[in-house]
């Protein structure tokens, strides 16, 4: 196999893994009924408020939609990996 194909396959596998982790976290969040918190990100200098993390509330349907979209993304990446 060419190096470019191997590199692309590794990149796709990494994206699949990241999306699967996201789905797992979102499913646990949806089942727990707890509030999801953001992290302070000073790398962009956008947050000047020291009261972070701040709660973010999502409705159940929003979480289910995000999970559904992530699963679709995983399926698309797996198909792309098969085509390599």
N, C-alpha and C. Protein backbone atom coordinates (compact mmCIF):
# COMPACT_ATOMS: atom_id res chain seq x y z
N UNK A 1 0.84 -1.18 0.00
CA UNK A 1 0.00 0.00 0.00
C UNK A 1 0.88 1.24 0.00
N UNK A 2 0.36 2.24 -0.60
CA UNK A 2 1.09 3.50 -0.60
C UNK A 2 1.00 4.18 0.75
N UNK A 3 2.01 4.95 1.06
CA UNK A 3 2.04 5.66 2.34
C UNK A 3 0.86 6.61 2.49
N UNK A 4 0.47 7.26 1.41
CA UNK A 4 -0.65 8.21 1.49
C UNK A 4 -1.95 7.51 1.86
N UNK A 5 -2.13 6.29 1.33
CA UNK A 5 -3.35 5.53 1.64
C UNK A 5 -3.34 5.11 3.11
N UNK A 6 -2.18 4.67 3.58
CA UNK A 6 -2.06 4.27 4.99
C UNK A 6 -2.30 5.47 5.90
N UNK A 7 -1.73 6.60 5.55
CA UNK A 7 -1.93 7.82 6.36
C UNK A 7 -3.40 8.22 6.39
N UNK A 8 -4.06 8.15 5.23
CA UNK A 8 -5.48 8.50 5.15
C UNK A 8 -6.31 7.53 5.98
N UNK A 9 -5.98 6.23 5.91
CA UNK A 9 -6.71 5.23 6.69
C UNK A 9 -6.53 5.48 8.18
N UNK A 10 -5.32 5.82 8.60
CA UNK A 10 -5.08 6.12 10.01
C UNK A 10 -5.86 7.33 10.47
N UNK A 11 -5.93 8.33 9.60
CA UNK A 11 -6.69 9.55 9.92
C UNK A 11 -8.17 9.23 10.07
N UNK A 12 -8.70 8.41 9.18
CA UNK A 12 -10.11 8.04 9.24
C UNK A 12 -10.40 7.23 10.50
N UNK A 13 -9.50 6.30 10.84
CA UNK A 13 -9.70 5.49 12.04
C UNK A 13 -9.68 6.36 13.30
N UNK A 14 -8.83 7.38 13.30
CA UNK A 14 -8.78 8.30 14.43
C UNK A 14 -10.09 9.07 14.54
N UNK A 15 -10.63 9.53 13.42
CA UNK A 15 -11.91 10.25 13.43
C UNK A 15 -13.04 9.35 13.90
N UNK A 16 -13.03 8.09 13.48
CA UNK A 16 -14.05 7.14 13.92
C UNK A 16 -13.97 6.97 15.43
N UNK A 17 -12.77 6.79 15.95
CA UNK A 17 -12.58 6.62 17.38
C UNK A 17 -13.06 7.84 18.16
N UNK A 18 -12.72 9.03 17.68
CA UNK A 18 -13.15 10.26 18.35
C UNK A 18 -14.67 10.39 18.36
N UNK A 19 -15.31 10.06 17.24
CA UNK A 19 -16.76 10.14 17.17
C UNK A 19 -17.42 9.10 18.05
N UNK A 20 -16.84 7.90 18.14
CA UNK A 20 -17.38 6.88 19.02
C UNK A 20 -17.28 7.30 20.48
N UNK A 21 -16.18 7.94 20.85
CA UNK A 21 -16.04 8.46 22.22
C UNK A 21 -17.10 9.53 22.49
N UNK A 22 -17.33 10.39 21.50
CA UNK A 22 -18.34 11.44 21.65
C UNK A 22 -19.72 10.84 21.87
N UNK A 23 -20.05 9.82 21.09
CA UNK A 23 -21.35 9.15 21.23
C UNK A 23 -21.48 8.56 22.62
N UNK A 24 -20.42 7.92 23.09
CA UNK A 24 -20.45 7.31 24.41
C UNK A 24 -20.70 8.35 25.50
N UNK A 25 -19.98 9.45 25.44
CA UNK A 25 -20.15 10.52 26.43
C UNK A 25 -21.56 11.11 26.36
N UNK A 26 -22.05 11.35 25.16
CA UNK A 26 -23.38 11.93 25.00
C UNK A 26 -24.46 10.98 25.49
N UNK A 27 -24.29 9.67 25.25
CA UNK A 27 -25.29 8.71 25.72
C UNK A 27 -25.30 8.66 27.25
N UNK A 28 -24.12 8.69 27.86
CA UNK A 28 -24.06 8.71 29.33
C UNK A 28 -24.70 9.98 29.87
N UNK A 29 -24.45 11.10 29.21
CA UNK A 29 -25.03 12.37 29.62
C UNK A 29 -26.55 12.32 29.51
N UNK A 30 -27.05 11.80 28.40
CA UNK A 30 -28.49 11.74 28.19
C UNK A 30 -29.16 10.84 29.23
N UNK A 31 -28.50 9.75 29.59
CA UNK A 31 -29.07 8.81 30.55
C UNK A 31 -29.00 9.34 31.99
N UNK A 32 -28.02 10.18 32.28
CA UNK A 32 -27.80 10.62 33.65
C UNK A 32 -28.74 11.74 34.08
N UNK A 33 -29.17 12.56 33.15
CA UNK A 33 -30.00 13.69 33.49
C UNK A 33 -29.22 14.83 34.13
N UNK A 34 -27.91 14.74 34.10
CA UNK A 34 -27.06 15.76 34.70
C UNK A 34 -26.81 16.88 33.71
N UNK A 35 -26.18 17.94 34.18
CA UNK A 35 -25.87 19.08 33.35
C UNK A 35 -24.46 18.96 32.79
N UNK A 36 -24.32 19.22 31.53
CA UNK A 36 -23.02 19.20 30.87
C UNK A 36 -22.35 20.54 31.08
N UNK A 37 -21.05 20.53 31.38
CA UNK A 37 -20.32 21.76 31.61
C UNK A 37 -19.27 21.98 30.53
N UNK A 38 -19.05 23.24 30.21
CA UNK A 38 -17.99 23.59 29.27
C UNK A 38 -16.69 23.75 30.05
N UNK A 39 -15.59 23.73 29.34
CA UNK A 39 -14.30 23.99 29.97
C UNK A 39 -13.82 25.35 29.53
N UNK A 40 -13.11 26.01 30.39
CA UNK A 40 -12.56 27.31 30.04
C UNK A 40 -11.44 27.09 29.04
N UNK A 41 -11.50 27.79 27.95
CA UNK A 41 -10.49 27.65 26.90
C UNK A 41 -9.78 28.98 26.73
N UNK A 42 -8.66 29.10 27.38
CA UNK A 42 -7.93 30.36 27.32
C UNK A 42 -7.06 30.47 26.07
N UNK A 43 -6.96 29.38 25.30
CA UNK A 43 -6.10 29.42 24.12
C UNK A 43 -6.61 30.41 23.08
N UNK A 44 -7.91 30.65 23.07
CA UNK A 44 -8.47 31.59 22.11
C UNK A 44 -8.68 32.97 22.71
N UNK A 45 -8.59 33.05 24.02
CA UNK A 45 -8.78 34.33 24.69
C UNK A 45 -10.21 34.83 24.61
N UNK A 46 -11.16 33.93 24.40
CA UNK A 46 -12.55 34.34 24.24
C UNK A 46 -13.27 34.52 25.56
N UNK A 47 -12.81 33.83 26.59
CA UNK A 47 -13.54 33.84 27.84
C UNK A 47 -12.82 34.72 28.85
N UNK A 48 -13.45 35.81 29.19
CA UNK A 48 -12.87 36.73 30.15
C UNK A 48 -13.57 36.63 31.50
N UNK A 49 -14.55 35.75 31.58
CA UNK A 49 -15.33 35.59 32.79
C UNK A 49 -14.75 34.43 33.61
N UNK A 50 -14.44 34.69 34.87
CA UNK A 50 -13.85 33.66 35.73
C UNK A 50 -14.88 32.70 36.30
N UNK A 51 -16.14 32.82 35.92
CA UNK A 51 -17.18 31.95 36.44
C UNK A 51 -17.35 30.68 35.62
N UNK A 52 -16.44 30.41 34.70
CA UNK A 52 -16.50 29.17 33.93
C UNK A 52 -16.03 28.04 34.81
N UNK A 53 -16.51 26.83 34.68
CA UNK A 53 -17.42 26.38 33.64
C UNK A 53 -18.86 26.81 33.92
N UNK A 54 -19.58 27.00 32.86
CA UNK A 54 -20.99 27.37 32.95
C UNK A 54 -21.84 26.21 32.47
N UNK A 55 -22.98 26.02 33.10
CA UNK A 55 -23.83 24.91 32.67
C UNK A 55 -24.46 25.18 31.31
N UNK A 56 -24.55 24.13 30.54
CA UNK A 56 -25.25 24.20 29.26
C UNK A 56 -26.39 23.20 29.35
N UNK A 57 -27.58 23.65 29.11
CA UNK A 57 -28.70 22.71 29.17
C UNK A 57 -29.16 22.37 27.75
N UNK A 58 -29.33 21.09 27.53
CA UNK A 58 -29.83 20.60 26.25
C UNK A 58 -31.11 19.82 26.51
N UNK A 59 -32.05 19.94 25.61
CA UNK A 59 -33.25 19.13 25.71
C UNK A 59 -32.92 17.73 25.20
N UNK A 60 -33.75 16.76 25.61
CA UNK A 60 -33.50 15.36 25.24
C UNK A 60 -33.40 15.18 23.73
N UNK A 61 -34.27 15.84 22.99
CA UNK A 61 -34.27 15.66 21.54
C UNK A 61 -32.99 16.20 20.92
N UNK A 62 -32.41 17.24 21.52
CA UNK A 62 -31.16 17.80 21.00
C UNK A 62 -30.01 16.80 21.15
N UNK A 63 -29.97 16.15 22.30
CA UNK A 63 -28.93 15.15 22.54
C UNK A 63 -29.12 13.97 21.60
N UNK A 64 -30.36 13.51 21.44
CA UNK A 64 -30.61 12.39 20.52
C UNK A 64 -30.22 12.75 19.09
N UNK A 65 -30.47 13.98 18.70
CA UNK A 65 -30.10 14.43 17.35
C UNK A 65 -28.59 14.45 17.17
N UNK A 66 -27.87 14.93 18.16
CA UNK A 66 -26.41 14.96 18.08
C UNK A 66 -25.87 13.53 18.00
N UNK A 67 -26.40 12.63 18.83
CA UNK A 67 -25.97 11.23 18.80
C UNK A 67 -26.25 10.62 17.44
N UNK A 68 -27.43 10.87 16.90
CA UNK A 68 -27.79 10.35 15.57
C UNK A 68 -26.82 10.86 14.51
N UNK A 69 -26.52 12.14 14.55
CA UNK A 69 -25.60 12.72 13.56
C UNK A 69 -24.20 12.13 13.70
N UNK A 70 -23.75 11.92 14.93
CA UNK A 70 -22.43 11.32 15.15
C UNK A 70 -22.40 9.89 14.61
N UNK A 71 -23.47 9.14 14.83
CA UNK A 71 -23.52 7.76 14.32
C UNK A 71 -23.53 7.74 12.79
N UNK A 72 -24.21 8.68 12.18
CA UNK A 72 -24.18 8.79 10.72
C UNK A 72 -22.78 9.11 10.23
N UNK A 73 -22.10 9.97 10.93
CA UNK A 73 -20.72 10.34 10.58
C UNK A 73 -19.81 9.13 10.68
N UNK A 74 -19.98 8.33 11.74
CA UNK A 74 -19.18 7.11 11.90
C UNK A 74 -19.42 6.16 10.73
N UNK A 75 -20.68 5.97 10.36
CA UNK A 75 -21.00 5.09 9.25
C UNK A 75 -20.37 5.58 7.95
N UNK A 76 -20.42 6.88 7.72
CA UNK A 76 -19.82 7.45 6.51
C UNK A 76 -18.30 7.26 6.51
N UNK A 77 -17.68 7.45 7.67
CA UNK A 77 -16.23 7.26 7.76
C UNK A 77 -15.85 5.79 7.56
N UNK A 78 -16.65 4.88 8.10
CA UNK A 78 -16.38 3.45 7.90
C UNK A 78 -16.50 3.07 6.43
N UNK A 79 -17.48 3.64 5.76
CA UNK A 79 -17.65 3.37 4.32
C UNK A 79 -16.46 3.91 3.55
N UNK A 80 -16.01 5.12 3.92
CA UNK A 80 -14.85 5.72 3.29
C UNK A 80 -13.60 4.87 3.52
N UNK A 81 -13.48 4.30 4.70
CA UNK A 81 -12.34 3.45 5.02
C UNK A 81 -12.37 2.16 4.19
N UNK A 82 -13.55 1.61 4.01
CA UNK A 82 -13.70 0.40 3.18
C UNK A 82 -13.29 0.68 1.73
N UNK A 83 -13.60 1.85 1.25
CA UNK A 83 -13.29 2.18 -0.15
C UNK A 83 -11.81 2.35 -0.39
N UNK A 84 -11.05 2.61 0.67
CA UNK A 84 -9.60 2.73 0.51
C UNK A 84 -9.04 1.35 0.24
